[in-house]
């Protein structure tokens, strides 16, 4: 079960930016793939951006590429998601999820199925004019 604590969400207008954070002080990033996952109303969790803790390699879904940047600070046990050029389609609850390093970061980000009771509280992002 996730122990991440997510923060940084809010209500913004289209085109504005947000920086999300998730922290787990007991987490050792070197052994994990970590990602930001969005749940839009009525939808399942969708991988947005993921990072491999060991080497910092990243993967973005098509909508996030060129607008979002994922990064991690292993000393602070924190993963960030810088979101620029937000659109109403980015609205949803954003969660952090992690699993031990697998063969493909893109498979973790786009195809991994977390248990239904895995998720923390998340942080709400609403983009509306």
Foldseek 3Di string as FASTA:
>chain_A
DDPWDKDWADEEAAQAKIKIKIADPVDQQQFKKKFKWFDDVPGDTATAKIARSNPGDIDGPPVQPPFWDWDDDRVRRMIMIIGGRDDQVRWGFIWMDMDTDDDDSVCVRGPDDDPPPHTDPGYGHGYHD
